[in-house]
Amino acid sequence: MTPIKQGKYEFNHESLIAVRNQIGMTQRKMAETLNIPPNTLSRWENGTTVPDAKYLAAFYSIAKEHGITPSFFEIRGKAQNFKYQLIVLWDFQVSGTPASWVQYEHNIIQTELQKRFSSMTPLMKVFTHKTQDKAAIELDKLGWTVFEGGNEIFNDIIQNAKSDSGHNPEGTVLVLISRDDKFVELINELKNNGVIIYIISPPVYNNKLFEVVGQANSIPWSPASAENPKRPIANSFGWLWGVPNN
């Protein structure tokens, strides 16, 4: 079979995210509107797969109904000219955090980012379990691109980390928020490619994520509310803190 000749233009998966954000629609709601599983939309948005013409036309129609003209295609190779970028990937799937506490945890993360990367605008992605639908809605409101799924979320995080940093690895800072030491192999691979890795994680003694990135790039998750606890509540990492004073 004769291979397909590559044209001048290629599909820009980030255009799907841009349209959905402009409409103000969650990933789950957009998937329902298109009558597709949320995981399918997640894979389109992270560039793992590409929608066929039928769904691309449907997506275009939804965008036009909201007064938006999407740009699904860009000149091939243009992505290689990305500026220095900050990527934040939040492994939220093992969290027991209620939706009412998402804003608080988001603020902690933003504070840490501002301390170190105040001049950079982050690309923020959060990976939730399909049972965390209420938290996912709150995260979407706060500007996170939400990826909802089941047991395959770990692989989705890996794919996003590689895809988002692959355009310009030496110009990429990636902040991974997780306690899962299964990401050590991914971190080593990205570091070898030139990506600068930071970890936000619990300050436990045997934290292998901190070991692999080094002390300078380790950000302990230390909520200020723990200084004045009123009642215990589980956070994203499964340990306890108190309710902050308002």
Protein backbone atom coordinates (compact mmCIF):
# COMPACT_ATOMS: atom_id res chain seq x y z
CA MET A 1 0.00 0.00 0.00
CA THR A 2 1.33 3.42 -0.93
CA PRO A 3 1.89 5.53 2.19
CA ILE A 4 -0.21 8.66 2.57
CA LYS A 5 1.66 11.77 1.58
CA GLN A 6 1.93 14.26 4.41
CA GLY A 7 0.44 17.63 3.55
CA LYS A 8 1.39 21.12 4.65
CA TYR A 9 -1.09 21.12 7.55
CA GLU A 10 -1.64 18.85 10.54
CA PHE A 11 -4.37 18.51 13.17
CA ASN A 12 -3.89 20.68 16.27
CA HIS A 13 -5.37 18.75 19.20
CA GLU A 14 -5.07 21.78 21.50
CA SER A 15 -7.77 23.49 19.43
CA LEU A 16 -10.34 21.14 20.99
CA ILE A 17 -9.35 22.26 24.49
CA ALA A 18 -9.43 25.92 23.44
CA VAL A 19 -12.97 25.64 22.09
CA ARG A 20 -14.26 23.75 25.12
CA ASN A 21 -12.74 26.30 27.50
CA GLN A 22 -14.23 29.21 25.55
CA ILE A 23 -17.66 27.60 25.71
CA GLY A 24 -17.17 26.93 29.43
CA MET A 25 -18.03 23.27 29.12
CA THR A 26 -16.55 20.47 31.22
CA GLN A 27 -14.88 17.55 29.51
CA ARG A 28 -17.68 15.24 30.67
CA LYS A 29 -20.41 17.57 29.35
CA MET A 30 -18.69 17.94 25.98
CA ALA A 31 -18.39 14.17 25.70
CA GLU A 32 -22.09 13.81 26.47
CA THR A 33 -22.94 16.42 23.83
CA LEU A 34 -20.89 14.52 21.24
CA ASN A 35 -22.34 11.20 22.48
CA ILE A 36 -18.89 9.70 23.08
CA PRO A 37 -17.14 8.26 26.18
CA PRO A 38 -15.17 10.85 28.21
CA ASN A 39 -11.98 8.83 27.65
CA THR A 40 -12.36 9.23 23.89
CA LEU A 41 -12.47 13.01 24.22
CA SER A 42 -9.50 12.89 26.61
CA ARG A 43 -7.42 11.08 24.01
CA TRP A 44 -8.39 13.56 21.30
CA GLU A 45 -7.44 16.47 23.55
CA ASN A 46 -4.04 15.05 24.52
CA GLY A 47 -3.21 14.07 20.94
CA THR A 48 -3.15 10.31 21.48
CA THR A 49 -5.84 9.83 18.81
CA VAL A 50 -7.56 12.08 16.26
CA PRO A 51 -11.32 12.48 15.74
CA ASP A 52 -12.68 11.33 12.40
CA ALA A 53 -14.48 13.66 10.00
CA LYS A 54 -17.92 12.90 11.47
CA TYR A 55 -16.99 14.02 14.99
CA LEU A 56 -14.83 16.87 13.79
CA ALA A 57 -17.88 18.22 11.92
CA ALA A 58 -20.01 17.81 15.06
CA PHE A 59 -17.40 19.63 17.16
CA TYR A 60 -17.28 22.40 14.57
CA SER A 61 -21.07 22.78 14.66
CA ILE A 62 -21.08 23.07 18.47
CA ALA A 63 -18.36 25.72 18.31
CA LYS A 64 -20.22 27.76 15.65
CA GLU A 65 -23.42 27.63 17.72
CA HIS A 66 -21.48 29.45 20.43
CA GLY A 67 -20.00 32.00 18.04
CA ILE A 68 -16.58 30.35 17.83
CA THR A 69 -14.71 29.50 14.64
CA PRO A 70 -12.18 26.81 15.59
CA SER A 71 -8.79 26.38 13.92
CA PHE A 72 -8.33 22.63 13.86
CA PHE A 73 -5.25 22.63 11.64
CA GLU A 74 -1.87 24.33 11.72
CA ILE A 75 1.21 24.35 9.52
CA ARG A 76 3.16 21.13 10.00
CA GLY A 77 6.21 21.58 12.21
CA LYS A 78 4.93 24.82 13.72
CA ALA A 79 4.75 23.15 17.13
CA GLN A 80 8.52 22.87 17.13
CA ASN A 81 8.72 26.64 17.75
CA PHE A 82 7.04 26.57 21.18
CA LYS A 83 8.40 29.00 23.75
CA TYR A 84 9.68 27.89 27.13
CA GLN A 85 6.69 26.21 28.77
CA LEU A 86 5.48 25.15 32.20
CA ILE A 87 3.39 21.97 32.41
CA VAL A 88 1.59 20.95 35.61
CA LEU A 89 0.16 17.42 35.87
CA TRP A 90 -1.91 16.64 38.99
CA ASP A 91 -2.44 12.97 39.85
CA PHE A 92 -5.77 13.44 41.65
CA GLN A 93 -7.15 9.93 41.12
CA VAL A 94 -6.21 8.51 44.53
CA SER A 95 -7.58 11.55 46.32
CA GLY A 96 -10.30 11.37 48.92
CA THR A 97 -10.68 15.13 48.74
CA PRO A 98 -14.31 16.33 48.61
CA ALA A 99 -15.35 18.84 45.96
CA SER A 100 -15.67 21.56 48.62
CA TRP A 101 -11.90 21.35 49.28
CA VAL A 102 -10.71 21.51 45.67
CA GLN A 103 -10.40 25.31 45.75
CA TYR A 104 -8.16 25.12 48.84
CA GLU A 105 -5.80 22.55 47.36
CA HIS A 106 -5.71 24.49 44.09
CA ASN A 107 -4.64 27.59 46.02
CA ILE A 108 -1.79 25.67 47.68
CA ILE A 109 -0.51 24.54 44.29
CA GLN A 110 -0.80 28.03 42.79
CA THR A 111 1.15 29.49 45.71
CA GLU A 112 4.01 27.06 45.15
CA LEU A 113 4.02 27.74 41.40
CA GLN A 114 4.10 31.49 41.95
CA LYS A 115 7.12 31.16 44.26
CA ARG A 116 9.19 29.51 41.53
CA PHE A 117 7.64 30.25 38.14
CA SER A 118 5.93 33.64 38.47
CA SER A 119 6.81 34.66 34.90
CA MET A 120 5.41 31.50 33.30
CA THR A 121 1.81 30.65 32.43
CA PRO A 122 1.19 26.98 33.26
CA LEU A 123 -0.60 24.39 31.17
CA MET A 124 -2.58 22.67 33.95
CA LYS A 125 -3.96 19.15 33.65
CA VAL A 126 -5.58 17.05 36.35
CA PHE A 127 -6.32 13.34 36.23
CA THR A 128 -9.36 12.19 38.17
CA HIS A 129 -11.17 8.90 38.66
CA LYS A 130 -14.59 8.57 37.05
CA THR A 131 -16.14 8.49 40.53
CA GLN A 132 -14.82 11.99 41.32
CA ASP A 133 -17.28 13.79 39.07
CA LYS A 134 -18.12 16.59 41.53
CA ALA A 135 -14.46 17.36 42.17
CA ALA A 136 -13.84 17.25 38.40
CA ILE A 137 -16.45 19.96 37.86
CA GLU A 138 -14.78 22.22 40.43
CA LEU A 139 -11.34 21.61 38.95
CA ASP A 140 -12.64 22.51 35.50
CA LYS A 141 -14.01 25.80 36.86
CA LEU A 142 -10.55 26.63 38.24
CA GLY A 143 -8.92 26.29 34.82
CA TRP A 144 -7.66 22.71 34.94
CA THR A 145 -8.06 20.51 31.90
CA VAL A 146 -9.71 17.45 33.41
CA PHE A 147 -9.03 13.89 32.29
CA GLU A 148 -11.52 11.46 33.79
CA GLY A 149 -11.04 7.71 33.67
CA GLY A 150 -10.57 4.48 35.55
CA ASN A 151 -7.56 2.22 35.98
CA GLU A 152 -5.88 3.56 32.83
CA ILE A 153 -5.32 7.05 34.28
CA PHE A 154 -1.69 6.21 35.18
CA ASN A 155 -0.94 5.58 31.50
CA ASP A 156 -2.81 8.76 30.52
CA ILE A 157 -0.51 10.80 32.75
CA ILE A 158 2.54 9.22 31.15
CA GLN A 159 1.23 9.87 27.64
CA ASN A 160 0.46 13.51 28.43
CA ALA A 161 3.86 14.09 30.02
CA LYS A 162 5.63 12.73 26.96
CA SER A 163 3.36 14.45 24.45
CA ASP A 164 3.36 17.89 26.09
CA SER A 165 7.13 17.96 26.60
CA GLY A 166 8.06 16.25 23.34
CA HIS A 167 7.83 19.38 21.18
CA ASN A 168 10.63 21.14 23.04
CA PRO A 169 11.97 19.03 25.92
CA GLU A 170 14.94 21.27 26.69
CA GLY A 171 12.56 24.23 26.97
CA THR A 172 10.07 22.51 29.25
CA VAL A 173 9.54 22.56 33.00
CA LEU A 174 7.19 19.81 34.17
CA VAL A 175 5.66 19.85 37.66
CA LEU A 176 4.23 16.47 38.69
CA ILE A 177 1.91 16.40 41.69
CA SER A 178 1.80 12.81 42.92
CA ARG A 179 2.91 10.35 45.57
CA ASP A 180 3.17 7.36 43.19
CA ASP A 181 6.78 6.19 42.84
CA LYS A 182 5.82 4.27 39.70
CA PHE A 183 6.53 7.56 37.92
CA VAL A 184 10.27 7.26 38.63
CA GLU A 185 10.93 5.60 35.27
CA LEU A 186 9.02 8.33 33.43
CA ILE A 187 10.92 11.06 35.29
CA ASN A 188 14.29 9.55 34.41
CA GLU A 189 13.28 9.28 30.75
CA LEU A 190 12.14 12.90 30.58
CA LYS A 191 15.23 14.14 32.42
CA ASN A 192 17.45 12.32 29.92
CA ASN A 193 15.60 14.17 27.16
CA GLY A 194 16.33 17.53 28.79
CA VAL A 195 13.04 18.21 30.61
CA ILE A 196 13.36 19.97 33.99
CA ILE A 197 11.22 18.06 36.53
CA TYR A 198 9.75 19.32 39.80
CA ILE A 199 7.77 17.16 42.23
CA ILE A 200 5.04 18.24 44.66
CA SER A 201 4.53 15.35 47.07
CA PRO A 202 4.27 14.46 50.80
CA PRO A 203 7.58 14.92 52.68
CA VAL A 204 7.85 11.29 53.79
CA TYR A 205 11.22 9.71 54.48
CA ASN A 206 11.19 7.17 51.64
CA ASN A 207 9.76 9.40 48.92
CA LYS A 208 11.44 8.03 45.78
CA LEU A 209 10.07 10.86 43.66
CA PHE A 210 12.06 13.38 45.70
CA GLU A 211 15.14 11.19 45.43
CA VAL A 212 15.04 11.09 41.64
CA VAL A 213 14.62 14.86 41.13
CA GLY A 214 16.84 16.03 43.99
CA GLN A 215 16.24 18.37 46.89
CA ALA A 216 16.28 21.57 44.83
CA ASN A 217 13.39 20.34 42.69
CA SER A 218 11.37 18.77 45.52
CA ILE A 219 8.37 20.71 46.81
CA PRO A 220 6.90 19.24 50.02
CA TRP A 221 3.13 19.45 50.28
CA SER A 222 2.82 21.42 53.54
CA PRO A 223 -0.59 23.10 53.95
CA ALA A 224 -0.47 26.10 56.26
CA SER A 225 -3.74 25.02 57.87
CA ALA A 226 -1.94 22.24 59.70
CA GLU A 227 -0.57 24.90 62.04
CA ASN A 228 -4.04 25.60 63.48
CA PRO A 229 -6.08 22.42 63.12
CA LYS A 230 -9.78 22.42 64.02
CA ARG A 231 -10.79 19.01 62.75
CA PRO A 232 -8.95 16.41 60.65
CA ILE A 233 -9.68 16.05 56.95
CA ALA A 234 -7.98 13.90 54.33
CA ASN A 235 -6.20 15.70 51.53
CA SER A 236 -5.06 14.53 48.09
CA PHE A 237 -2.22 12.51 49.55
CA GLY A 238 -4.24 10.61 52.14
CA TRP A 239 -2.72 12.21 55.24
CA LEU A 240 -4.51 14.52 57.64
CA TRP A 241 -4.60 18.25 58.07
CA GLY A 242 -6.86 20.70 59.86
CA VAL A 243 -9.45 23.06 58.50
CA PRO A 244 -7.96 26.49 57.70
CA ASN A 245 -9.08 29.59 59.52
CA ASN A 246 -11.28 31.81 57.33
